[in-house]
Amino acid sequence: MEINDITGQIIDSAMKVHTALGPGLLESAYEACLVHELLQRRLNVQTQVPLSINYDGIRLDVGYRLDLLIDNRVIVELKAVLEMHPIYEAQLLSYLKLSNLQVGLLINFHTVRLKDGIKRIVNNL
């Protein structure tokens, strides 16, 4: 599956979850429902994937976790916040760089219209 097909499936799944649940729940609820939806679509989904950093030739586990890793190609960072801040985009871009992946989706479920809460981030390798 092409990366645009994967991101399309993720966005469509997120829209379905948001339509069913609406805004106002905890991030963990959206994560569980989104994982279920993505698995129904036969995508490979990993949750809370540890992400280490390499510093000075040493691999360090400092507690970073990817919310979702889809088909080992797309990172999904979930939020359920009133206001999106640029630091969330920087966080996802850092995750992409650390994992040597190209595309990530930042999805904030705490919006009236979910399309306003989705941002695609690209790591220009």
PDB file of N, CA and C in Angstrom:
ATOM      1  N   MET A   1       0.850  -1.180   0.000  1.00  0.00           N
ATOM      2  CA  MET A   1       0.000   0.000   0.000  1.00  0.00           C
ATOM      3  C   MET A   1       0.894   1.241   0.000  1.00  0.00           C
ATOM      4  N   GLU A   2       0.549   2.208  -0.805  1.00  0.00           N
ATOM      5  CA  GLU A   2       1.292   3.464  -0.871  1.00  0.00           C
ATOM      6  C   GLU A   2       1.046   4.280   0.395  1.00  0.00           C
ATOM      7  N   ILE A   3       1.988   5.135   0.707  1.00  0.00           N
ATOM      8  CA  ILE A   3       1.885   5.927   1.936  1.00  0.00           C
ATOM      9  C   ILE A   3       0.655   6.839   1.935  1.00  0.00           C
ATOM     10  N   ASN A   4       0.284   7.374   0.779  1.00  0.00           N
ATOM     11  CA  ASN A   4      -0.921   8.212   0.709  1.00  0.00           C
ATOM     12  C   ASN A   4      -2.182   7.391   0.954  1.00  0.00           C
ATOM     13  N   ASP A   5      -2.166   6.121   0.549  1.00  0.00           N
ATOM     14  CA  ASP A   5      -3.298   5.242   0.820  1.00  0.00           C
ATOM     15  C   ASP A   5      -3.403   4.968   2.323  1.00  0.00           C
ATOM     16  N   ILE A   6      -2.253   4.764   2.949  1.00  0.00           N
ATOM     17  CA  ILE A   6      -2.238   4.511   4.395  1.00  0.00           C
ATOM     18  C   ILE A   6      -2.768   5.733   5.147  1.00  0.00           C
ATOM     19  N   THR A   7      -2.247   6.920   4.820  1.00  0.00           N
ATOM     20  CA  THR A   7      -2.713   8.123   5.522  1.00  0.00           C
ATOM     21  C   THR A   7      -4.193   8.382   5.241  1.00  0.00           C
ATOM     22  N   GLY A   8      -4.628   8.061   4.033  1.00  0.00           N
ATOM     23  CA  GLY A   8      -6.047   8.210   3.705  1.00  0.00           C
ATOM     24  C   GLY A   8      -6.918   7.305   4.568  1.00  0.00           C
ATOM     25  N   GLN A   9      -6.478   6.071   4.782  1.00  0.00           N
ATOM     26  CA  GLN A   9      -7.213   5.129   5.629  1.00  0.00           C
ATOM     27  C   GLN A   9      -7.230   5.604   7.093  1.00  0.00           C
ATOM     28  N   ILE A  10      -6.107   6.152   7.530  1.00  0.00           N
ATOM     29  CA  ILE A  10      -6.032   6.659   8.908  1.00  0.00           C
ATOM     30  C   ILE A  10      -6.999   7.825   9.099  1.00  0.00           C
ATOM     31  N   ILE A  11      -6.971   8.765   8.166  1.00  0.00           N
ATOM     32  CA  ILE A  11      -7.848   9.939   8.270  1.00  0.00           C
ATOM     33  C   ILE A  11      -9.314   9.522   8.196  1.00  0.00           C
ATOM     34  N   ASP A  12      -9.638   8.622   7.280  1.00  0.00           N
ATOM     35  CA  ASP A  12     -11.018   8.153   7.159  1.00  0.00           C
ATOM     36  C   ASP A  12     -11.463   7.457   8.447  1.00  0.00           C
ATOM     37  N   SER A  13     -10.578   6.670   9.025  1.00  0.00           N
ATOM     38  CA  SER A  13     -10.886   5.985  10.289  1.00  0.00           C
ATOM     39  C   SER A  13     -11.092   6.989  11.416  1.00  0.00           C
ATOM     40  N   ALA A  14     -10.231   8.000  11.483  1.00  0.00           N
ATOM     41  CA  ALA A  14     -10.357   9.028  12.513  1.00  0.00           C
ATOM     42  C   ALA A  14     -11.675   9.785  12.365  1.00  0.00           C
ATOM     43  N   MET A  15     -12.056  10.068  11.138  1.00  0.00           N
ATOM     44  CA  MET A  15     -13.330  10.756  10.891  1.00  0.00           C
ATOM     45  C   MET A  15     -14.502   9.905  11.387  1.00  0.00           C
ATOM     46  N   LYS A  16     -14.433   8.612  11.136  1.00  0.00           N
ATOM     47  CA  LYS A  16     -15.503   7.715  11.583  1.00  0.00           C
ATOM     48  C   LYS A  16     -15.593   7.709  13.105  1.00  0.00           C
ATOM     49  N   VAL A  17     -14.447   7.633  13.770  1.00  0.00           N
ATOM     50  CA  VAL A  17     -14.419   7.643  15.233  1.00  0.00           C
ATOM     51  C   VAL A  17     -14.965   8.965  15.767  1.00  0.00           C
ATOM     52  N   HIS A  18     -14.530  10.066  15.178  1.00  0.00           N
ATOM     53  CA  HIS A  18     -14.970  11.387  15.644  1.00  0.00           C
ATOM     54  C   HIS A  18     -16.469  11.574  15.425  1.00  0.00           C
ATOM     55  N   THR A  19     -16.981  11.091  14.316  1.00  0.00           N
ATOM     56  CA  THR A  19     -18.416  11.193  14.044  1.00  0.00           C
ATOM     57  C   THR A  19     -19.210  10.425  15.095  1.00  0.00           C
ATOM     58  N   ALA A  20     -18.700   9.261  15.483  1.00  0.00           N
ATOM     59  CA  ALA A  20     -19.405   8.441  16.468  1.00  0.00           C
ATOM     60  C   ALA A  20     -19.303   9.003  17.885  1.00  0.00           C
ATOM     61  N   LEU A  21     -18.138   9.529  18.255  1.00  0.00           N
ATOM     62  CA  LEU A  21     -17.908   9.940  19.644  1.00  0.00           C
ATOM     63  C   LEU A  21     -18.012  11.441  19.889  1.00  0.00           C
ATOM     64  N   GLY A  22     -17.683  12.239  18.869  1.00  0.00           N
ATOM     65  CA  GLY A  22     -17.658  13.685  19.049  1.00  0.00           C
ATOM     66  C   GLY A  22     -16.467  14.122  19.887  1.00  0.00           C
ATOM     67  N   PRO A  23     -16.315  15.428  20.095  1.00  0.00           N
ATOM     68  CA  PRO A  23     -15.213  15.931  20.919  1.00  0.00           C
ATOM     69  C   PRO A  23     -15.531  15.796  22.403  1.00  0.00           C
ATOM     70  N   GLY A  24     -14.492  15.929  23.238  1.00  0.00           N
ATOM     71  CA  GLY A  24     -14.708  16.021  24.671  1.00  0.00           C
ATOM     72  C   GLY A  24     -14.285  14.827  25.499  1.00  0.00           C
ATOM     73  N   LEU A  25     -13.818  13.758  24.858  1.00  0.00           N
ATOM     74  CA  LEU A  25     -13.376  12.589  25.615  1.00  0.00           C
ATOM     75  C   LEU A  25     -11.871  12.625  25.825  1.00  0.00           C
ATOM     76  N   LEU A  26     -11.371  11.682  26.584  1.00  0.00           N
ATOM     77  CA  LEU A  26      -9.935  11.565  26.792  1.00  0.00           C
ATOM     78  C   LEU A  26      -9.252  10.994  25.555  1.00  0.00           C
ATOM     79  N   GLU A  27      -7.993  11.357  25.396  1.00  0.00           N
ATOM     80  CA  GLU A  27      -7.191  10.864  24.269  1.00  0.00           C
ATOM     81  C   GLU A  27      -7.195   9.336  24.216  1.00  0.00           C
ATOM     82  N   SER A  28      -7.135   8.691  25.370  1.00  0.00           N
ATOM     83  CA  SER A  28      -7.081   7.230  25.412  1.00  0.00           C
ATOM     84  C   SER A  28      -8.321   6.582  24.791  1.00  0.00           C
ATOM     85  N   ALA A  29      -9.479   7.202  24.931  1.00  0.00           N
ATOM     86  CA  ALA A  29     -10.703   6.668  24.332  1.00  0.00           C
ATOM     87  C   ALA A  29     -10.622   6.726  22.812  1.00  0.00           C
ATOM     88  N   TYR A  30     -10.160   7.857  22.293  1.00  0.00           N
ATOM     89  CA  TYR A  30     -10.017   7.982  20.841  1.00  0.00           C
ATOM     90  C   TYR A  30      -8.978   7.003  20.315  1.00  0.00           C
ATOM     91  N   GLU A  31      -7.891   6.840  21.063  1.00  0.00           N
ATOM     92  CA  GLU A  31      -6.839   5.914  20.635  1.00  0.00           C
ATOM     93  C   GLU A  31      -7.391   4.497  20.521  1.00  0.00           C
ATOM     94  N   ALA A  32      -8.093   4.040  21.533  1.00  0.00           N
ATOM     95  CA  ALA A  32      -8.637   2.678  21.523  1.00  0.00           C
ATOM     96  C   ALA A  32      -9.593   2.467  20.356  1.00  0.00           C
ATOM     97  N   CYS A  33     -10.465   3.430  20.113  1.00  0.00           N
ATOM     98  CA  CYS A  33     -11.432   3.304  19.022  1.00  0.00           C
ATOM     99  C   CYS A  33     -10.749   3.383  17.659  1.00  0.00           C
ATOM    100  N   LEU A  34      -9.761   4.260  17.539  1.00  0.00           N
ATOM    101  CA  LEU A  34      -9.040   4.384  16.275  1.00  0.00           C
ATOM    102  C   LEU A  34      -8.261   3.106  15.979  1.00  0.00           C
ATOM    103  N   VAL A  35      -7.629   2.538  16.988  1.00  0.00           N
ATOM    104  CA  VAL A  35      -6.909   1.272  16.797  1.00  0.00           C
ATOM    105  C   VAL A  35      -7.870   0.198  16.309  1.00  0.00           C
ATOM    106  N   HIS A  36      -9.023   0.097  16.932  1.00  0.00           N
ATOM    107  CA  HIS A  36     -10.026  -0.887  16.508  1.00  0.00           C
ATOM    108  C   HIS A  36     -10.397  -0.689  15.039  1.00  0.00           C
ATOM    109  N   GLU A  37     -10.659   0.552  14.677  1.00  0.00           N
ATOM    110  CA  GLU A  37     -11.063   0.858  13.294  1.00  0.00           C
ATOM    111  C   GLU A  37      -9.952   0.518  12.301  1.00  0.00           C
ATOM    112  N   LEU A  38      -8.710   0.855  12.643  1.00  0.00           N
ATOM    113  CA  LEU A  38      -7.588   0.572  11.738  1.00  0.00           C
ATOM    114  C   LEU A  38      -7.351  -0.930  11.599  1.00  0.00           C
ATOM    115  N   LEU A  39      -7.518  -1.665  12.677  1.00  0.00           N
ATOM    116  CA  LEU A  39      -7.367  -3.126  12.603  1.00  0.00           C
ATOM    117  C   LEU A  39      -8.469  -3.741  11.738  1.00  0.00           C
ATOM    118  N   GLN A  40      -9.662  -3.175  11.806  1.00  0.00           N
ATOM    119  CA  GLN A  40     -10.762  -3.647  10.947  1.00  0.00           C
ATOM    120  C   GLN A  40     -10.415  -3.468   9.466  1.00  0.00           C
ATOM    121  N   ARG A  41      -9.584  -2.476   9.196  1.00  0.00           N
ATOM    122  CA  ARG A  41      -9.172  -2.201   7.812  1.00  0.00           C
ATOM    123  C   ARG A  41      -7.900  -2.964   7.446  1.00  0.00           C
ATOM    124  N   ARG A  42      -7.507  -3.859   8.323  1.00  0.00           N
ATOM    125  CA  ARG A  42      -6.363  -4.751   8.109  1.00  0.00           C
ATOM    126  C   ARG A  42      -5.020  -4.017   7.984  1.00  0.00           C
ATOM    127  N   LEU A  43      -4.901  -2.928   8.716  1.00  0.00           N
ATOM    128  CA  LEU A  43      -3.623  -2.234   8.795  1.00  0.00           C
ATOM    129  C   LEU A  43      -2.848  -2.768   9.994  1.00  0.00           C
ATOM    130  N   ASN A  44      -1.541  -2.756   9.896  1.00  0.00           N
ATOM    131  CA  ASN A  44      -0.684  -3.164  11.001  1.00  0.00           C
ATOM    132  C   ASN A  44      -0.577  -1.975  11.954  1.00  0.00           C
ATOM    133  N   VAL A  45      -1.029  -2.153  13.185  1.00  0.00           N
ATOM    134  CA  VAL A  45      -1.073  -1.060  14.153  1.00  0.00           C
ATOM    135  C   VAL A  45      -0.272  -1.446  15.392  1.00  0.00           C
ATOM    136  N   GLN A  46       0.659  -0.569  15.764  1.00  0.00           N
ATOM    137  CA  GLN A  46       1.385  -0.718  17.013  1.00  0.00           C
ATOM    138  C   GLN A  46       1.059   0.496  17.875  1.00  0.00           C
ATOM    139  N   THR A  47       0.860   0.266  19.166  1.00  0.00           N
ATOM    140  CA  THR A  47       0.515   1.360  20.065  1.00  0.00           C
ATOM    141  C   THR A  47       1.614   1.573  21.095  1.00  0.00           C
ATOM    142  N   GLN A  48       1.758   2.834  21.491  1.00  0.00           N
ATOM    143  CA  GLN A  48       2.707   3.227  22.535  1.00  0.00           C
ATOM    144  C   GLN A  48       4.084   2.603  22.305  1.00  0.00           C
ATOM    145  N   VAL A  49       4.600   2.819  21.098  1.00  0.00           N
ATOM    146  CA  VAL A  49       5.878   2.239  20.670  1.00  0.00           C
ATOM    147  C   VAL A  49       7.034   3.033  21.291  1.00  0.00           C
ATOM    148  N   PRO A  50       7.915   2.359  22.051  1.00  0.00           N
ATOM    149  CA  PRO A  50       9.066   3.066  22.630  1.00  0.00           C
ATOM    150  C   PRO A  50       9.959   3.657  21.542  1.00  0.00           C
ATOM    151  N   LEU A  51      10.444   4.856  21.785  1.00  0.00           N
ATOM    152  CA  LEU A  51      11.325   5.538  20.836  1.00  0.00           C
ATOM    153  C   LEU A  51      12.554   6.023  21.589  1.00  0.00           C
ATOM    154  N   SER A  52      13.683   5.414  21.294  1.00  0.00           N
ATOM    155  CA  SER A  52      14.921   5.811  21.958  1.00  0.00           C
ATOM    156  C   SER A  52      15.607   6.907  21.153  1.00  0.00           C
ATOM    157  N   ILE A  53      16.578   7.549  21.779  1.00  0.00           N
ATOM    158  CA  ILE A  53      17.395   8.535  21.072  1.00  0.00           C
ATOM    159  C   ILE A  53      18.839   8.051  21.090  1.00  0.00           C
ATOM    160  N   ASN A  54      19.575   8.457  20.082  1.00  0.00           N
ATOM    161  CA  ASN A  54      21.002   8.177  20.034  1.00  0.00           C
ATOM    162  C   ASN A  54      21.738   9.471  20.329  1.00  0.00           C
ATOM    163  N   TYR A  55      22.555   9.425  21.351  1.00  0.00           N
ATOM    164  CA  TYR A  55      23.329  10.597  21.735  1.00  0.00           C
ATOM    165  C   TYR A  55      24.750  10.159  22.039  1.00  0.00           C
ATOM    166  N   ASP A  56      25.682  10.788  21.375  1.00  0.00           N
ATOM    167  CA  ASP A  56      27.100  10.530  21.616  1.00  0.00           C
ATOM    168  C   ASP A  56      27.423   9.040  21.487  1.00  0.00           C
ATOM    169  N   GLY A  57      26.780   8.427  20.475  1.00  0.00           N
ATOM    170  CA  GLY A  57      27.032   7.019  20.202  1.00  0.00           C
ATOM    171  C   GLY A  57      26.354   6.061  21.160  1.00  0.00           C
ATOM    172  N   ILE A  58      25.485   6.564  22.006  1.00  0.00           N
ATOM    173  CA  ILE A  58      24.798   5.727  22.986  1.00  0.00           C
ATOM    174  C   ILE A  58      23.290   5.779  22.715  1.00  0.00           C
ATOM    175  N   ARG A  59      22.664   4.620  22.757  1.00  0.00           N
ATOM    176  CA  ARG A  59      21.215   4.549  22.606  1.00  0.00           C
ATOM    177  C   ARG A  59      20.581   4.695  23.983  1.00  0.00           C
ATOM    178  N   LEU A  60      19.704   5.698  24.112  1.00  0.00           N
ATOM    179  CA  LEU A  60      19.078   6.009  25.402  1.00  0.00           C
ATOM    180  C   LEU A  60      17.562   5.903  25.305  1.00  0.00           C
ATOM    181  N   ASP A  61      16.961   5.173  26.236  1.00  0.00           N
ATOM    182  CA  ASP A  61      15.511   5.148  26.340  1.00  0.00           C
ATOM    183  C   ASP A  61      15.138   6.198  27.375  1.00  0.00           C
ATOM    184  N   VAL A  62      14.547   7.283  26.897  1.00  0.00           N
ATOM    185  CA  VAL A  62      14.224   8.396  27.787  1.00  0.00           C
ATOM    186  C   VAL A  62      12.710   8.584  27.955  1.00  0.00           C
ATOM    187  N   GLY A  63      11.961   7.549  27.602  1.00  0.00           N
ATOM    188  CA  GLY A  63      10.531   7.583  27.878  1.00  0.00           C
ATOM    189  C   GLY A  63       9.643   8.053  26.750  1.00  0.00           C
ATOM    190  N   TYR A  64      10.197   8.327  25.572  1.00  0.00           N
ATOM    191  CA  TYR A  64       9.347   8.743  24.452  1.00  0.00           C
ATOM    192  C   TYR A  64       8.556   7.549  23.943  1.00  0.00           C
ATOM    193  N   ARG A  65       7.300   7.807  23.555  1.00  0.00           N
ATOM    194  CA  ARG A  65       6.425   6.770  23.019  1.00  0.00           C
ATOM    195  C   ARG A  65       5.661   7.349  21.832  1.00  0.00           C
ATOM    196  N   LEU A  66       5.609   6.578  20.756  1.00  0.00           N
ATOM    197  CA  LEU A  66       4.765   6.936  19.625  1.00  0.00           C
ATOM    198  C   LEU A  66       3.354   6.482  19.959  1.00  0.00           C
ATOM    199  N   ASP A  67       2.368   7.349  19.817  1.00  0.00           N
ATOM    200  CA  ASP A  67       0.987   6.935  20.088  1.00  0.00           C
ATOM    201  C   ASP A  67       0.633   5.740  19.215  1.00  0.00           C
ATOM    202  N   LEU A  68       0.789   5.916  17.902  1.00  0.00           N
ATOM    203  CA  LEU A  68       0.499   4.838  16.956  1.00  0.00           C
ATOM    204  C   LEU A  68       1.567   4.802  15.869  1.00  0.00           C
ATOM    205  N   LEU A  69       1.925   3.609  15.467  1.00  0.00           N
ATOM    206  CA  LEU A  69       2.790   3.400  14.306  1.00  0.00           C
ATOM    207  C   LEU A  69       2.026   2.473  13.372  1.00  0.00           C
ATOM    208  N   ILE A  70       1.717   2.966  12.187  1.00  0.00           N
ATOM    209  CA  ILE A  70       0.884   2.238  11.246  1.00  0.00           C
ATOM    210  C   ILE A  70       1.744   1.698  10.102  1.00  0.00           C
ATOM    211  N   ASP A  71       1.648   0.389   9.898  1.00  0.00           N
ATOM    212  CA  ASP A  71       2.386  -0.307   8.833  1.00  0.00           C
ATOM    213  C   ASP A  71       3.878   0.016   8.841  1.00  0.00           C
ATOM    214  N   ASN A  72       4.417   0.311  10.007  1.00  0.00           N
ATOM    215  CA  ASN A  72       5.836   0.662  10.171  1.00  0.00           C
ATOM    216  C   ASN A  72       6.262   1.825   9.278  1.00  0.00           C
ATOM    217  N   ARG A  73       5.300   2.671   8.867  1.00  0.00           N
ATOM    218  CA  ARG A  73       5.611   3.762   7.944  1.00  0.00           C
ATOM    219  C   ARG A  73       5.051   5.109   8.349  1.00  0.00           C
ATOM    220  N   VAL A  74       3.971   5.135   9.111  1.00  0.00           N
ATOM    221  CA  VAL A  74       3.305   6.400   9.447  1.00  0.00           C
ATOM    222  C   VAL A  74       3.137   6.491  10.963  1.00  0.00           C
ATOM    223  N   ILE A  75       3.614   7.596  11.530  1.00  0.00           N
ATOM    224  CA  ILE A  75       3.419   7.878  12.949  1.00  0.00           C
ATOM    225  C   ILE A  75       2.152   8.708  13.098  1.00  0.00           C
ATOM    226  N   VAL A  76       1.318   8.328  14.060  1.00  0.00           N
ATOM    227  CA  VAL A  76       0.124   9.103  14.368  1.00  0.00           C
ATOM    228  C   VAL A  76       0.254   9.589  15.806  1.00  0.00           C
ATOM    229  N   GLU A  77       0.246  10.889  15.959  1.00  0.00           N
ATOM    230  CA  GLU A  77       0.295  11.522  17.281  1.00  0.00           C
ATOM    231  C   GLU A  77      -1.109  12.053  17.574  1.00  0.00           C
ATOM    232  N   LEU A  78      -1.723  11.535  18.628  1.00  0.00           N
ATOM    233  CA  LEU A  78      -3.092  11.901  18.969  1.00  0.00           C
ATOM    234  C   LEU A  78      -3.127  12.959  20.058  1.00  0.00           C
ATOM    235  N   LYS A  79      -4.106  13.835  19.950  1.00  0.00           N
ATOM    236  CA  LYS A  79      -4.340  14.869  20.957  1.00  0.00           C
ATOM    237  C   LYS A  79      -5.840  14.982  21.201  1.00  0.00           C
ATOM    238  N   ALA A  80      -6.190  15.453  22.372  1.00  0.00           N
ATOM    239  CA  ALA A  80      -7.561  15.813  22.707  1.00  0.00           C
ATOM    240  C   ALA A  80      -7.452  17.097  23.534  1.00  0.00           C
ATOM    241  N   VAL A  81      -7.097  18.185  22.851  1.00  0.00           N
ATOM    242  CA  VAL A  81      -6.808  19.458  23.509  1.00  0.00           C
ATOM    243  C   VAL A  81      -7.651  20.580  22.911  1.00  0.00           C
ATOM    244  N   LEU A  82      -7.862  21.622  23.714  1.00  0.00           N
ATOM    245  CA  LEU A  82      -8.649  22.761  23.249  1.00  0.00           C
ATOM    246  C   LEU A  82      -7.938  23.545  22.160  1.00  0.00           C
ATOM    247  N   GLU A  83      -6.621  23.637  22.279  1.00  0.00           N
ATOM    248  CA  GLU A  83      -5.862  24.465  21.351  1.00  0.00           C
ATOM    249  C   GLU A  83      -4.578  23.747  20.931  1.00  0.00           C
ATOM    250  N   MET A  84      -4.334  23.727  19.639  1.00  0.00           N
ATOM    251  CA  MET A  84      -3.105  23.126  19.130  1.00  0.00           C
ATOM    252  C   MET A  84      -1.985  24.154  19.214  1.00  0.00           C
ATOM    253  N   HIS A  85      -0.824  23.695  19.617  1.00  0.00           N
ATOM    254  CA  HIS A  85       0.346  24.557  19.739  1.00  0.00           C
ATOM    255  C   HIS A  85       1.438  24.063  18.795  1.00  0.00           C
ATOM    256  N   PRO A  86       2.273  24.968  18.304  1.00  0.00           N
ATOM    257  CA  PRO A  86       3.358  24.580  17.390  1.00  0.00           C
ATOM    258  C   PRO A  86       4.281  23.502  17.968  1.00  0.00           C
ATOM    259  N   ILE A  87       4.374  23.414  19.291  1.00  0.00           N
ATOM    260  CA  ILE A  87       5.243  22.413  19.893  1.00  0.00           C
ATOM    261  C   ILE A  87       4.790  20.998  19.543  1.00  0.00           C
ATOM    262  N   TYR A  88       3.493  20.796  19.310  1.00  0.00           N
ATOM    263  CA  TYR A  88       3.000  19.465  18.946  1.00  0.00           C
ATOM    264  C   TYR A  88       3.521  19.057  17.568  1.00  0.00           C
ATOM    265  N   GLU A  89       3.572  20.010  16.642  1.00  0.00           N
ATOM    266  CA  GLU A  89       4.134  19.734  15.318  1.00  0.00           C
ATOM    267  C   GLU A  89       5.627  19.445  15.431  1.00  0.00           C
ATOM    268  N   ALA A  90       6.322  20.228  16.248  1.00  0.00           N
ATOM    269  CA  ALA A  90       7.758  20.011  16.454  1.00  0.00           C
ATOM    270  C   ALA A  90       8.013  18.636  17.070  1.00  0.00           C
ATOM    271  N   GLN A  91       7.162  18.245  18.005  1.00  0.00           N
ATOM    272  CA  GLN A  91       7.272  16.932  18.638  1.00  0.00           C
ATOM    273  C   GLN A  91       7.155  15.823  17.596  1.00  0.00           C
ATOM    274  N   LEU A  92       6.144  15.893  16.746  1.00  0.00           N
ATOM    275  CA  LEU A  92       5.952  14.868  15.724  1.00  0.00           C
ATOM    276  C   LEU A  92       7.107  14.854  14.736  1.00  0.00           C
ATOM    277  N   LEU A  93       7.586  16.015  14.334  1.00  0.00           N
ATOM    278  CA  LEU A  93       8.721  16.075  13.417  1.00  0.00           C
ATOM    279  C   LEU A  93       9.964  15.455  14.064  1.00  0.00           C
ATOM    280  N   SER A  94      10.165  15.708  15.335  1.00  0.00           N
ATOM    281  CA  SER A  94      11.291  15.083  16.048  1.00  0.00           C
ATOM    282  C   SER A  94      11.142  13.568  16.069  1.00  0.00           C
ATOM    283  N   TYR A  95       9.939  13.081  16.322  1.00  0.00           N
ATOM    284  CA  TYR A  95       9.698  11.636  16.310  1.00  0.00           C
ATOM    285  C   TYR A  95      10.010  11.042  14.933  1.00  0.00           C
ATOM    286  N   LEU A  96       9.609  11.753  13.886  1.00  0.00           N
ATOM    287  CA  LEU A  96       9.887  11.283  12.528  1.00  0.00           C
ATOM    288  C   LEU A  96      11.395  11.204  12.290  1.00  0.00           C
ATOM    289  N   LYS A  97      12.112  12.220  12.714  1.00  0.00           N
ATOM    290  CA  LYS A  97      13.561  12.227  12.528  1.00  0.00           C
ATOM    291  C   LYS A  97      14.234  11.115  13.331  1.00  0.00           C
ATOM    292  N   LEU A  98      13.834  10.949  14.589  1.00  0.00           N
ATOM    293  CA  LEU A  98      14.431   9.922  15.438  1.00  0.00           C
ATOM    294  C   LEU A  98      14.167   8.515  14.912  1.00  0.00           C
ATOM    295  N   SER A  99      13.010   8.319  14.296  1.00  0.00           N
ATOM    296  CA  SER A  99      12.645   6.999  13.784  1.00  0.00           C
ATOM    297  C   SER A  99      12.999   6.815  12.313  1.00  0.00           C
ATOM    298  N   ASN A 100      13.519   7.874  11.698  1.00  0.00           N
ATOM    299  CA  ASN A 100      13.896   7.842  10.278  1.00  0.00           C
ATOM    300  C   ASN A 100      12.705   7.509   9.373  1.00  0.00           C
ATOM    301  N   LEU A 101      11.549   8.052   9.735  1.00  0.00           N
ATOM    302  CA  LEU A 101      10.349   7.894   8.925  1.00  0.00           C
ATOM    303  C   LEU A 101      10.009   9.214   8.268  1.00  0.00           C
ATOM    304  N   GLN A 102       9.184   9.147   7.229  1.00  0.00           N
ATOM    305  CA  GLN A 102       8.927  10.336   6.426  1.00  0.00           C
ATOM    306  C   GLN A 102       7.632  11.065   6.757  1.00  0.00           C
ATOM    307  N   VAL A 103       6.561  10.332   7.109  1.00  0.00           N
ATOM    308  CA  VAL A 103       5.244  10.972   7.234  1.00  0.00           C
ATOM    309  C   VAL A 103       4.602  10.673   8.581  1.00  0.00           C
ATOM    310  N   GLY A 104       3.982  11.711   9.135  1.00  0.00           N
ATOM    311  CA  GLY A 104       3.224  11.566  10.369  1.00  0.00           C
ATOM    312  C   GLY A 104       1.944  12.375  10.297  1.00  0.00           C
ATOM    313  N   LEU A 105       0.980  11.962  11.086  1.00  0.00           N
ATOM    314  CA  LEU A 105      -0.280  12.696  11.199  1.00  0.00           C
ATOM    315  C   LEU A 105      -0.481  13.125  12.639  1.00  0.00           C
ATOM    316  N   LEU A 106      -0.796  14.382  12.807  1.00  0.00           N
ATOM    317  CA  LEU A 106      -1.155  14.950  14.105  1.00  0.00           C
ATOM    318  C   LEU A 106      -2.673  15.117  14.083  1.00  0.00           C
ATOM    319  N   ILE A 107      -3.356  14.422  14.975  1.00  0.00           N
ATOM    320  CA  ILE A 107      -4.823  14.437  14.968  1.00  0.00           C
ATOM    321  C   ILE A 107      -5.327  14.892  16.334  1.00  0.00           C
ATOM    322  N   ASN A 108      -6.067  16.005  16.337  1.00  0.00           N
ATOM    323  CA  ASN A 108      -6.685  16.522  17.557  1.00  0.00           C
ATOM    324  C   ASN A 108      -8.191  16.255  17.500  1.00  0.00           C
ATOM    325  N   PHE A 109      -8.647  15.361  18.365  1.00  0.00           N
ATOM    326  CA  PHE A 109     -10.057  14.986  18.374  1.00  0.00           C
ATOM    327  C   PHE A 109     -10.944  16.005  19.086  1.00  0.00           C
ATOM    328  N   HIS A 110     -10.353  16.977  19.735  1.00  0.00           N
ATOM    329  CA  HIS A 110     -11.161  17.958  20.475  1.00  0.00           C
ATOM    330  C   HIS A 110     -11.489  19.166  19.591  1.00  0.00           C
ATOM    331  N   THR A 111     -12.092  18.874  18.446  1.00  0.00           N
ATOM    332  CA  THR A 111     -12.539  19.927  17.524  1.00  0.00           C
ATOM    333  C   THR A 111     -13.968  19.608  17.097  1.00  0.00           C
ATOM    334  N   VAL A 112     -14.693  20.635  16.695  1.00  0.00           N
ATOM    335  CA  VAL A 112     -16.057  20.414  16.222  1.00  0.00           C
ATOM    336  C   VAL A 112     -16.017  19.665  14.891  1.00  0.00           C
ATOM    337  N   ARG A 113     -15.140  20.111  14.001  1.00  0.00           N
ATOM    338  CA  ARG A 113     -14.958  19.434  12.707  1.00  0.00           C
ATOM    339  C   ARG A 113     -13.553  18.836  12.698  1.00  0.00           C
ATOM    340  N   LEU A 114     -13.465  17.529  12.616  1.00  0.00           N
ATOM    341  CA  LEU A 114     -12.168  16.873  12.745  1.00  0.00           C
ATOM    342  C   LEU A 114     -11.187  17.317  11.672  1.00  0.00           C
ATOM    343  N   LYS A 115     -11.674  17.644  10.481  1.00  0.00           N
ATOM    344  CA  LYS A 115     -10.743  18.056   9.422  1.00  0.00           C
ATOM    345  C   LYS A 115      -9.930  19.276   9.835  1.00  0.00           C
ATOM    346  N   ASP A 116     -10.455  20.076  10.760  1.00  0.00           N
ATOM    347  CA  ASP A 116      -9.709  21.229  11.275  1.00  0.00           C
ATOM    348  C   ASP A 116      -8.639  20.817  12.283  1.00  0.00           C
ATOM    349  N   GLY A 117      -8.687  19.564  12.728  1.00  0.00           N
ATOM    350  CA  GLY A 117      -7.751  19.089  13.730  1.00  0.00           C
ATOM    351  C   GLY A 117      -6.709  18.116  13.197  1.00  0.00           C
ATOM    352  N   ILE A 118      -6.579  18.030  11.876  1.00  0.00           N
ATOM    353  CA  ILE A 118      -5.629  17.095  11.285  1.00  0.00           C
ATOM    354  C   ILE A 118      -4.513  17.853  10.573  1.00  0.00           C
ATOM    355  N   LYS A 119      -3.290  17.461  10.869  1.00  0.00           N
ATOM    356  CA  LYS A 119      -2.127  18.090  10.236  1.00  0.00           C
ATOM    357  C   LYS A 119      -1.172  16.982   9.795  1.00  0.00           C
ATOM    358  N   ARG A 120      -0.778  17.021   8.549  1.00  0.00           N
ATOM    359  CA  ARG A 120       0.198  16.067   8.007  1.00  0.00           C
ATOM    360  C   ARG A 120       1.581  16.708   8.113  1.00  0.00           C
ATOM    361  N   ILE A 121       2.520  15.975   8.691  1.00  0.00           N
ATOM    362  CA  ILE A 121       3.883  16.459   8.872  1.00  0.00           C
ATOM    363  C   ILE A 121       4.808  15.558   8.056  1.00  0.00           C
ATOM    364  N   VAL A 122       5.712  16.188   7.298  1.00  0.00           N
ATOM    365  CA  VAL A 122       6.636  15.435   6.450  1.00  0.00           C
ATOM    366  C   VAL A 122       8.066  15.724   6.883  1.00  0.00           C
ATOM    367  N   ASN A 123       8.823  14.662   7.048  1.00  0.00           N
ATOM    368  CA  ASN A 123      10.237  14.742   7.355  1.00  0.00           C
ATOM    369  C   ASN A 123      10.991  14.629   6.036  1.00  0.00           C
ATOM    370  N   ASN A 124      11.617  15.709   5.614  1.00  0.00           N
ATOM    371  CA  ASN A 124      12.389  15.684   4.377  1.00  0.00           C
ATOM    372  C   ASN A 124      13.745  15.042   4.669  1.00  0.00           C
ATOM    373  N   LEU A 125      13.770  13.715   4.550  1.00  0.00           N
ATOM    374  CA  LEU A 125      14.954  12.927   4.892  1.00  0.00           C
ATOM    375  C   LEU A 125      16.210  13.418   4.215  1.00  0.00           C
TER     376      LEU A 125
END
